[in-house]
mmCIF file of all heavy atoms, coordinates in Angstrom:
data_MODEL
# 
_entry.id   MODEL 
# 
loop_
_atom_site.group_PDB 
_atom_site.id 
_atom_site.type_symbol 
_atom_site.label_atom_id 
_atom_site.label_alt_id 
_atom_site.label_comp_id 
_atom_site.label_asym_id 
_atom_site.label_entity_id 
_atom_site.label_seq_id 
_atom_site.pdbx_PDB_ins_code 
_atom_site.Cartn_x 
_atom_site.Cartn_y 
_atom_site.Cartn_z 
_atom_site.occupancy 
_atom_site.B_iso_or_equiv 
_atom_site.pdbx_formal_charge 
_atom_site.auth_seq_id 
_atom_site.auth_comp_id 
_atom_site.auth_asym_id 
_atom_site.auth_atom_id 
_atom_site.pdbx_PDB_model_num 
ATOM 1   N N   . GLN A 1 1  ? 13.745 10.681  13.826 1.00 0.00 ? 1  GLN A N   1 
ATOM 2   C CA  . GLN A 1 1  ? 14.433 9.624   14.574 1.00 0.00 ? 1  GLN A CA  1 
ATOM 3   C C   . GLN A 1 1  ? 13.435 8.741   15.309 1.00 0.00 ? 1  GLN A C   1 
ATOM 4   O O   . GLN A 1 1  ? 13.542 7.498   15.295 1.00 0.00 ? 1  GLN A O   1 
ATOM 5   C CB  . GLN A 1 1  ? 15.419 10.257  15.567 1.00 0.00 ? 1  GLN A CB  1 
ATOM 6   C CG  . GLN A 1 1  ? 16.513 11.099  14.925 1.00 0.00 ? 1  GLN A CG  1 
ATOM 7   C CD  . GLN A 1 1  ? 17.452 10.289  14.048 1.00 0.00 ? 1  GLN A CD  1 
ATOM 8   O OE1 . GLN A 1 1  ? 17.565 9.073   14.197 1.00 0.00 ? 1  GLN A OE1 1 
ATOM 9   N NE2 . GLN A 1 1  ? 18.125 10.954  13.117 1.00 0.00 ? 1  GLN A NE2 1 
ATOM 10  N N   . ALA A 1 2  ? 12.458 9.365   15.956 1.00 0.00 ? 2  ALA A N   1 
ATOM 11  C CA  . ALA A 1 2  ? 11.466 8.585   16.698 1.00 0.00 ? 2  ALA A CA  1 
ATOM 12  C C   . ALA A 1 2  ? 10.622 7.731   15.754 1.00 0.00 ? 2  ALA A C   1 
ATOM 13  O O   . ALA A 1 2  ? 10.286 6.571   16.071 1.00 0.00 ? 2  ALA A O   1 
ATOM 14  C CB  . ALA A 1 2  ? 10.576 9.522   17.507 1.00 0.00 ? 2  ALA A CB  1 
ATOM 15  N N   . ALA A 1 3  ? 10.261 8.282   14.594 1.00 0.00 ? 3  ALA A N   1 
ATOM 16  C CA  . ALA A 1 3  ? 9.436  7.534   13.646 1.00 0.00 ? 3  ALA A CA  1 
ATOM 17  C C   . ALA A 1 3  ? 10.180 6.317   13.116 1.00 0.00 ? 3  ALA A C   1 
ATOM 18  O O   . ALA A 1 3  ? 9.572  5.247   12.907 1.00 0.00 ? 3  ALA A O   1 
ATOM 19  C CB  . ALA A 1 3  ? 9.020  8.447   12.494 1.00 0.00 ? 3  ALA A CB  1 
ATOM 20  N N   . ARG A 1 4  ? 11.467 6.433   12.909 1.00 0.00 ? 4  ARG A N   1 
ATOM 21  C CA  . ARG A 1 4  ? 12.225 5.295   12.395 1.00 0.00 ? 4  ARG A CA  1 
ATOM 22  C C   . ARG A 1 4  ? 12.330 4.183   13.428 1.00 0.00 ? 4  ARG A C   1 
ATOM 23  O O   . ARG A 1 4  ? 12.295 2.990   13.078 1.00 0.00 ? 4  ARG A O   1 
ATOM 24  C CB  . ARG A 1 4  ? 13.602 5.770   11.945 1.00 0.00 ? 4  ARG A CB  1 
ATOM 25  C CG  . ARG A 1 4  ? 13.519 6.623   10.692 1.00 0.00 ? 4  ARG A CG  1 
ATOM 26  C CD  . ARG A 1 4  ? 14.846 7.055   10.137 1.00 0.00 ? 4  ARG A CD  1 
ATOM 27  N NE  . ARG A 1 4  ? 14.669 7.690   8.831  1.00 0.00 ? 4  ARG A NE  1 
ATOM 28  C CZ  . ARG A 1 4  ? 15.640 8.216   8.109  1.00 0.00 ? 4  ARG A CZ  1 
ATOM 29  N NH1 . ARG A 1 4  ? 16.883 8.194   8.575  1.00 0.00 ? 4  ARG A NH1 1 
ATOM 30  N NH2 . ARG A 1 4  ? 15.384 8.759   6.937  1.00 0.00 ? 4  ARG A NH2 1 
ATOM 31  N N   . VAL A 1 5  ? 12.441 4.550   14.673 1.00 0.00 ? 5  VAL A N   1 
ATOM 32  C CA  . VAL A 1 5  ? 12.411 3.539   15.725 1.00 0.00 ? 5  VAL A CA  1 
ATOM 33  C C   . VAL A 1 5  ? 11.039 2.869   15.766 1.00 0.00 ? 5  VAL A C   1 
ATOM 34  O O   . VAL A 1 5  ? 10.925 1.637   15.896 1.00 0.00 ? 5  VAL A O   1 
ATOM 35  C CB  . VAL A 1 5  ? 12.742 4.171   17.094 1.00 0.00 ? 5  VAL A CB  1 
ATOM 36  C CG1 . VAL A 1 5  ? 12.553 3.165   18.217 1.00 0.00 ? 5  VAL A CG1 1 
ATOM 37  C CG2 . VAL A 1 5  ? 14.169 4.710   17.097 1.00 0.00 ? 5  VAL A CG2 1 
ATOM 38  N N   . ALA A 1 6  ? 9.976  3.674   15.624 1.00 0.00 ? 6  ALA A N   1 
ATOM 39  C CA  . ALA A 1 6  ? 8.623  3.128   15.645 1.00 0.00 ? 6  ALA A CA  1 
ATOM 40  C C   . ALA A 1 6  ? 8.386  2.194   14.464 1.00 0.00 ? 6  ALA A C   1 
ATOM 41  O O   . ALA A 1 6  ? 7.706  1.164   14.596 1.00 0.00 ? 6  ALA A O   1 
ATOM 42  C CB  . ALA A 1 6  ? 7.603  4.261   15.638 1.00 0.00 ? 6  ALA A CB  1 
ATOM 43  N N   . ILE A 1 7  ? 8.939  2.532   13.287 1.00 0.00 ? 7  ILE A N   1 
ATOM 44  C CA  . ILE A 1 7  ? 8.775  1.668   12.117 1.00 0.00 ? 7  ILE A CA  1 
ATOM 45  C C   . ILE A 1 7  ? 9.422  0.312   12.359 1.00 0.00 ? 7  ILE A C   1 
ATOM 46  O O   . ILE A 1 7  ? 8.835  -0.737  12.050 1.00 0.00 ? 7  ILE A O   1 
ATOM 47  C CB  . ILE A 1 7  ? 9.377  2.343   10.864 1.00 0.00 ? 7  ILE A CB  1 
ATOM 48  C CG1 . ILE A 1 7  ? 8.487  3.496   10.405 1.00 0.00 ? 7  ILE A CG1 1 
ATOM 49  C CG2 . ILE A 1 7  ? 9.546  1.340   9.735  1.00 0.00 ? 7  ILE A CG2 1 
ATOM 50  C CD1 . ILE A 1 7  ? 9.049  4.274   9.235  1.00 0.00 ? 7  ILE A CD1 1 
ATOM 51  N N   . ALA A 1 8  ? 10.640 0.327   12.895 1.00 0.00 ? 8  ALA A N   1 
ATOM 52  C CA  . ALA A 1 8  ? 11.327 -0.937  13.163 1.00 0.00 ? 8  ALA A CA  1 
ATOM 53  C C   . ALA A 1 8  ? 10.520 -1.794  14.127 1.00 0.00 ? 8  ALA A C   1 
ATOM 54  O O   . ALA A 1 8  ? 10.366 -3.018  13.936 1.00 0.00 ? 8  ALA A O   1 
ATOM 55  C CB  . ALA A 1 8  ? 12.716 -0.664  13.713 1.00 0.00 ? 8  ALA A CB  1 
ATOM 56  N N   . SER A 1 9  ? 9.983  -1.188  15.183 1.00 0.00 ? 9  SER A N   1 
ATOM 57  C CA  . SER A 1 9  ? 9.207  -1.942  16.164 1.00 0.00 ? 9  SER A CA  1 
ATOM 58  C C   . SER A 1 9  ? 7.895  -2.444  15.565 1.00 0.00 ? 9  SER A C   1 
ATOM 59  O O   . SER A 1 9  ? 7.503  -3.605  15.785 1.00 0.00 ? 9  SER A O   1 
ATOM 60  C CB  . SER A 1 9  ? 8.916  -1.062  17.383 1.00 0.00 ? 9  SER A CB  1 
ATOM 61  O OG  . SER A 1 9  ? 10.123 -0.655  17.998 1.00 0.00 ? 9  SER A OG  1 
ATOM 62  N N   . SER A 1 10 ? 7.206  -1.574  14.803 1.00 0.00 ? 10 SER A N   1 
ATOM 63  C CA  . SER A 1 10 ? 5.914  -1.976  14.243 1.00 0.00 ? 10 SER A CA  1 
ATOM 64  C C   . SER A 1 10 ? 6.082  -3.031  13.154 1.00 0.00 ? 10 SER A C   1 
ATOM 65  O O   . SER A 1 10 ? 5.208  -3.894  12.981 1.00 0.00 ? 10 SER A O   1 
ATOM 66  C CB  . SER A 1 10 ? 5.184  -0.743  13.685 1.00 0.00 ? 10 SER A CB  1 
ATOM 67  O OG  . SER A 1 10 ? 5.950  -0.101  12.688 1.00 0.00 ? 10 SER A OG  1 
ATOM 68  N N   . GLN A 1 11 ? 7.189  -3.007  12.423 1.00 0.00 ? 11 GLN A N   1 
ATOM 69  C CA  . GLN A 1 11 ? 7.437  -4.058  11.432 1.00 0.00 ? 11 GLN A CA  1 
ATOM 70  C C   . GLN A 1 11 ? 7.622  -5.414  12.106 1.00 0.00 ? 11 GLN A C   1 
ATOM 71  O O   . GLN A 1 11 ? 7.080  -6.418  11.650 1.00 0.00 ? 11 GLN A O   1 
ATOM 72  C CB  . GLN A 1 11 ? 8.675  -3.699  10.594 1.00 0.00 ? 11 GLN A CB  1 
ATOM 73  C CG  . GLN A 1 11 ? 8.436  -2.617  9.548  1.00 0.00 ? 11 GLN A CG  1 
ATOM 74  C CD  . GLN A 1 11 ? 9.693  -2.234  8.816  1.00 0.00 ? 11 GLN A CD  1 
ATOM 75  O OE1 . GLN A 1 11 ? 10.818 -2.411  9.321  1.00 0.00 ? 11 GLN A OE1 1 
ATOM 76  N NE2 . GLN A 1 11 ? 9.540  -1.679  7.614  1.00 0.00 ? 11 GLN A NE2 1 
ATOM 77  N N   . GLU A 1 12 ? 8.371  -5.423  13.194 1.00 0.00 ? 12 GLU A N   1 
ATOM 78  C CA  . GLU A 1 12 ? 8.563  -6.676  13.928 1.00 0.00 ? 12 GLU A CA  1 
ATOM 79  C C   . GLU A 1 12 ? 7.249  -7.150  14.544 1.00 0.00 ? 12 GLU A C   1 
ATOM 80  O O   . GLU A 1 12 ? 6.927  -8.349  14.520 1.00 0.00 ? 12 GLU A O   1 
ATOM 81  C CB  . GLU A 1 12 ? 9.631  -6.473  15.011 1.00 0.00 ? 12 GLU A CB  1 
ATOM 82  C CG  . GLU A 1 12 ? 9.909  -7.708  15.859 1.00 0.00 ? 12 GLU A CG  1 
ATOM 83  C CD  . GLU A 1 12 ? 10.478 -8.861  15.047 1.00 0.00 ? 12 GLU A CD  1 
ATOM 84  O OE1 . GLU A 1 12 ? 10.961 -8.627  13.912 1.00 0.00 ? 12 GLU A OE1 1 
ATOM 85  O OE2 . GLU A 1 12 ? 10.444 -9.999  15.553 1.00 0.00 ? 12 GLU A OE2 1 
ATOM 86  N N   . ASN A 1 13 ? 6.472  -6.196  15.087 1.00 0.00 ? 13 ASN A N   1 
ATOM 87  C CA  . ASN A 1 13 ? 5.182  -6.560  15.682 1.00 0.00 ? 13 ASN A CA  1 
ATOM 88  C C   . ASN A 1 13 ? 4.233  -7.120  14.626 1.00 0.00 ? 13 ASN A C   1 
ATOM 89  O O   . ASN A 1 13 ? 3.519  -8.106  14.879 1.00 0.00 ? 13 ASN A O   1 
ATOM 90  C CB  . ASN A 1 13 ? 4.569  -5.327  16.344 1.00 0.00 ? 13 ASN A CB  1 
ATOM 91  C CG  . ASN A 1 13 ? 3.278  -5.638  17.047 1.00 0.00 ? 13 ASN A CG  1 
ATOM 92  O OD1 . ASN A 1 13 ? 3.179  -6.619  17.798 1.00 0.00 ? 13 ASN A OD1 1 
ATOM 93  N ND2 . ASN A 1 13 ? 2.248  -4.824  16.812 1.00 0.00 ? 13 ASN A ND2 1 
ATOM 94  N N   . PHE A 1 14 ? 4.228  -6.507  13.431 1.00 0.00 ? 14 PHE A N   1 
ATOM 95  C CA  . PHE A 1 14 ? 3.366  -7.005  12.361 1.00 0.00 ? 14 PHE A CA  1 
ATOM 96  C C   . PHE A 1 14 ? 3.820  -8.392  11.896 1.00 0.00 ? 14 PHE A C   1 
ATOM 97  O O   . PHE A 1 14 ? 2.990  -9.271  11.615 1.00 0.00 ? 14 PHE A O   1 
ATOM 98  C CB  . PHE A 1 14 ? 3.369  -6.032  11.185 1.00 0.00 ? 14 PHE A CB  1 
ATOM 99  C CG  . PHE A 1 14 ? 2.572  -6.522  10.007 1.00 0.00 ? 14 PHE A CG  1 
ATOM 100 C CD1 . PHE A 1 14 ? 1.186  -6.481  10.033 1.00 0.00 ? 14 PHE A CD1 1 
ATOM 101 C CD2 . PHE A 1 14 ? 3.203  -7.038  8.879  1.00 0.00 ? 14 PHE A CD2 1 
ATOM 102 C CE1 . PHE A 1 14 ? 0.443  -6.939  8.946  1.00 0.00 ? 14 PHE A CE1 1 
ATOM 103 C CE2 . PHE A 1 14 ? 2.462  -7.491  7.805  1.00 0.00 ? 14 PHE A CE2 1 
ATOM 104 C CZ  . PHE A 1 14 ? 1.085  -7.443  7.838  1.00 0.00 ? 14 PHE A CZ  1 
ATOM 105 N N   . ARG A 1 15 ? 5.132  -8.584  11.813 1.00 0.00 ? 15 ARG A N   1 
ATOM 106 C CA  . ARG A 1 15 ? 5.641  -9.903  11.405 1.00 0.00 ? 15 ARG A CA  1 
ATOM 107 C C   . ARG A 1 15 ? 5.190  -10.983 12.373 1.00 0.00 ? 15 ARG A C   1 
ATOM 108 O O   . ARG A 1 15 ? 4.744  -12.063 11.949 1.00 0.00 ? 15 ARG A O   1 
ATOM 109 C CB  . ARG A 1 15 ? 7.169  -9.864  11.317 1.00 0.00 ? 15 ARG A CB  1 
ATOM 110 C CG  . ARG A 1 15 ? 7.799  -11.127 10.757 1.00 0.00 ? 15 ARG A CG  1 
ATOM 111 C CD  . ARG A 1 15 ? 9.303  -11.057 10.835 1.00 0.00 ? 15 ARG A CD  1 
ATOM 112 N NE  . ARG A 1 15 ? 9.762  -11.047 12.225 1.00 0.00 ? 15 ARG A NE  1 
ATOM 113 C CZ  . ARG A 1 15 ? 9.860  -12.143 12.980 1.00 0.00 ? 15 ARG A CZ  1 
ATOM 114 N NH1 . ARG A 1 15 ? 9.540  -13.336 12.479 1.00 0.00 ? 15 ARG A NH1 1 
ATOM 115 N NH2 . ARG A 1 15 ? 10.306 -12.059 14.219 1.00 0.00 ? 15 ARG A NH2 1 
ATOM 116 N N   . LEU A 1 16 ? 5.266  -10.675 13.664 1.00 0.00 ? 16 LEU A N   1 
ATOM 117 C CA  . LEU A 1 16 ? 4.845  -11.662 14.668 1.00 0.00 ? 16 LEU A CA  1 
ATOM 118 C C   . LEU A 1 16 ? 3.337  -11.902 14.601 1.00 0.00 ? 16 LEU A C   1 
ATOM 119 O O   . LEU A 1 16 ? 2.872  -13.055 14.681 1.00 0.00 ? 16 LEU A O   1 
ATOM 120 C CB  . LEU A 1 16 ? 5.244  -11.186 16.061 1.00 0.00 ? 16 LEU A CB  1 
ATOM 121 C CG  . LEU A 1 16 ? 6.750  -11.099 16.328 1.00 0.00 ? 16 LEU A CG  1 
ATOM 122 C CD1 . LEU A 1 16 ? 7.018  -10.493 17.699 1.00 0.00 ? 16 LEU A CD1 1 
ATOM 123 C CD2 . LEU A 1 16 ? 7.403  -12.474 16.215 1.00 0.00 ? 16 LEU A CD2 1 
ATOM 124 N N   . ALA A 1 17 ? 2.569  -10.817 14.463 1.00 0.00 ? 17 ALA A N   1 
ATOM 125 C CA  . ALA A 1 17 ? 1.118  -10.967 14.398 1.00 0.00 ? 17 ALA A CA  1 
ATOM 126 C C   . ALA A 1 17 ? 0.702  -11.731 13.145 1.00 0.00 ? 17 ALA A C   1 
ATOM 127 O O   . ALA A 1 17 ? -0.231 -12.554 13.182 1.00 0.00 ? 17 ALA A O   1 
ATOM 128 C CB  . ALA A 1 17 ? 0.457  -9.593  14.421 1.00 0.00 ? 17 ALA A CB  1 
ATOM 129 N N   . GLN A 1 18 ? 1.397  -11.465 12.033 1.00 0.00 ? 18 GLN A N   1 
ATOM 130 C CA  . GLN A 1 18 ? 1.115  -12.181 10.797 1.00 0.00 ? 18 GLN A CA  1 
ATOM 131 C C   . GLN A 1 18 ? 1.394  -13.669 10.952 1.00 0.00 ? 18 GLN A C   1 
ATOM 132 O O   . GLN A 1 18 ? 0.605  -14.517 10.519 1.00 0.00 ? 18 GLN A O   1 
ATOM 133 C CB  . GLN A 1 18 ? 1.970  -11.601 9.675  1.00 0.00 ? 18 GLN A CB  1 
ATOM 134 C CG  . GLN A 1 18 ? 1.692  -12.208 8.292  1.00 0.00 ? 18 GLN A CG  1 
ATOM 135 C CD  . GLN A 1 18 ? 0.412  -11.691 7.681  1.00 0.00 ? 18 GLN A CD  1 
ATOM 136 O OE1 . GLN A 1 18 ? 0.283  -10.504 7.448  1.00 0.00 ? 18 GLN A OE1 1 
ATOM 137 N NE2 . GLN A 1 18 ? -0.552 -12.566 7.433  1.00 0.00 ? 18 GLN A NE2 1 
ATOM 138 N N   . GLY A 1 19 ? 2.518  -13.965 11.593 1.00 0.00 ? 19 GLY A N   1 
ATOM 139 C CA  . GLY A 1 19 ? 2.853  -15.373 11.809 1.00 0.00 ? 19 GLY A CA  1 
ATOM 140 C C   . GLY A 1 19 ? 1.843  -16.076 12.705 1.00 0.00 ? 19 GLY A C   1 
ATOM 141 O O   . GLY A 1 19 ? 1.442  -17.212 12.420 1.00 0.00 ? 19 GLY A O   1 
ATOM 142 N N   . ARG A 1 20 ? 1.404  -15.409 13.757 1.00 0.00 ? 20 ARG A N   1 
ATOM 143 C CA  . ARG A 1 20 ? 0.423  -16.015 14.654 1.00 0.00 ? 20 ARG A CA  1 
ATOM 144 C C   . ARG A 1 20 ? -0.906 -16.230 13.938 1.00 0.00 ? 20 ARG A C   1 
ATOM 145 O O   . ARG A 1 20 ? -1.564 -17.255 14.130 1.00 0.00 ? 20 ARG A O   1 
ATOM 146 C CB  . ARG A 1 20 ? 0.226  -15.103 15.869 1.00 0.00 ? 20 ARG A CB  1 
ATOM 147 C CG  . ARG A 1 20 ? 1.416  -15.109 16.836 1.00 0.00 ? 20 ARG A CG  1 
ATOM 148 C CD  . ARG A 1 20 ? 1.281  -14.009 17.876 1.00 0.00 ? 20 ARG A CD  1 
ATOM 149 N NE  . ARG A 1 20 ? 0.033  -14.134 18.630 1.00 0.00 ? 20 ARG A NE  1 
ATOM 150 C CZ  . ARG A 1 20 ? -0.138 -14.969 19.673 1.00 0.00 ? 20 ARG A CZ  1 
ATOM 151 N NH1 . ARG A 1 20 ? 0.868  -15.734 20.064 1.00 0.00 ? 20 ARG A NH1 1 
ATOM 152 N NH2 . ARG A 1 20 ? -1.294 -15.030 20.307 1.00 0.00 ? 20 ARG A NH2 1 
ATOM 153 N N   . PHE A 1 21 ? -1.295 -15.251 13.097 1.00 0.00 ? 21 PHE A N   1 
ATOM 154 C CA  . PHE A 1 21 ? -2.563 -15.392 12.387 1.00 0.00 ? 21 PHE A CA  1 
ATOM 155 C C   . PHE A 1 21 ? -2.491 -16.511 11.356 1.00 0.00 ? 21 PHE A C   1 
ATOM 156 O O   . PHE A 1 21 ? -3.456 -17.277 11.176 1.00 0.00 ? 21 PHE A O   1 
ATOM 157 C CB  . PHE A 1 21 ? -2.917 -14.074 11.712 1.00 0.00 ? 21 PHE A CB  1 
ATOM 158 C CG  . PHE A 1 21 ? -4.237 -14.087 10.994 1.00 0.00 ? 21 PHE A CG  1 
ATOM 159 C CD1 . PHE A 1 21 ? -5.429 -13.993 11.709 1.00 0.00 ? 21 PHE A CD1 1 
ATOM 160 C CD2 . PHE A 1 21 ? -4.297 -14.197 9.609  1.00 0.00 ? 21 PHE A CD2 1 
ATOM 161 C CE1 . PHE A 1 21 ? -6.656 -14.017 11.050 1.00 0.00 ? 21 PHE A CE1 1 
ATOM 162 C CE2 . PHE A 1 21 ? -5.520 -14.208 8.960  1.00 0.00 ? 21 PHE A CE2 1 
ATOM 163 C CZ  . PHE A 1 21 ? -6.697 -14.117 9.677  1.00 0.00 ? 21 PHE A CZ  1 
ATOM 164 N N   . ASP A 1 22 ? -1.333 -16.638 10.684 1.00 0.00 ? 22 ASP A N   1 
ATOM 165 C CA  . ASP A 1 22 ? -1.190 -17.650 9.634  1.00 0.00 ? 22 ASP A CA  1 
ATOM 166 C C   . ASP A 1 22 ? -1.253 -19.065 10.194 1.00 0.00 ? 22 ASP A C   1 
ATOM 167 O O   . ASP A 1 22 ? -1.706 -19.996 9.501  1.00 0.00 ? 22 ASP A O   1 
ATOM 168 C CB  . ASP A 1 22 ? 0.124  -17.450 8.886  1.00 0.00 ? 22 ASP A CB  1 
ATOM 169 C CG  . ASP A 1 22 ? 0.087  -16.202 8.006  1.00 0.00 ? 22 ASP A CG  1 
ATOM 170 O OD1 . ASP A 1 22 ? -1.028 -15.698 7.735  1.00 0.00 ? 22 ASP A OD1 1 
ATOM 171 O OD2 . ASP A 1 22 ? 1.162  -15.708 7.612  1.00 0.00 ? 22 ASP A OD2 1 
ATOM 172 N N   . VAL A 1 23 ? -0.801 -19.256 11.432 1.00 0.00 ? 23 VAL A N   1 
ATOM 173 C CA  . VAL A 1 23 ? -0.852 -20.601 12.031 1.00 0.00 ? 23 VAL A CA  1 
ATOM 174 C C   . VAL A 1 23 ? -2.124 -20.803 12.835 1.00 0.00 ? 23 VAL A C   1 
ATOM 175 O O   . VAL A 1 23 ? -2.285 -21.850 13.491 1.00 0.00 ? 23 VAL A O   1 
ATOM 176 C CB  . VAL A 1 23 ? 0.379  -20.848 12.917 1.00 0.00 ? 23 VAL A CB  1 
ATOM 177 C CG1 . VAL A 1 23 ? 1.657  -20.768 12.089 1.00 0.00 ? 23 VAL A CG1 1 
ATOM 178 C CG2 . VAL A 1 23 ? 0.429  -19.855 14.073 1.00 0.00 ? 23 VAL A CG2 1 
ATOM 179 N N   . GLY A 1 24 ? -3.018 -19.808 12.812 1.00 0.00 ? 24 GLY A N   1 
ATOM 180 C CA  . GLY A 1 24 ? -4.298 -19.967 13.471 1.00 0.00 ? 24 GLY A CA  1 
ATOM 181 C C   . GLY A 1 24 ? -4.310 -19.671 14.946 1.00 0.00 ? 24 GLY A C   1 
ATOM 182 O O   . GLY A 1 24 ? -5.322 -19.934 15.622 1.00 0.00 ? 24 GLY A O   1 
# 
């Protein structure tokens, strides 16, 4: 249960970090 919550959070965090990196 804890790992699935962590996956959801880390996926969102990676999406945001990817977006920030892509726009420089």
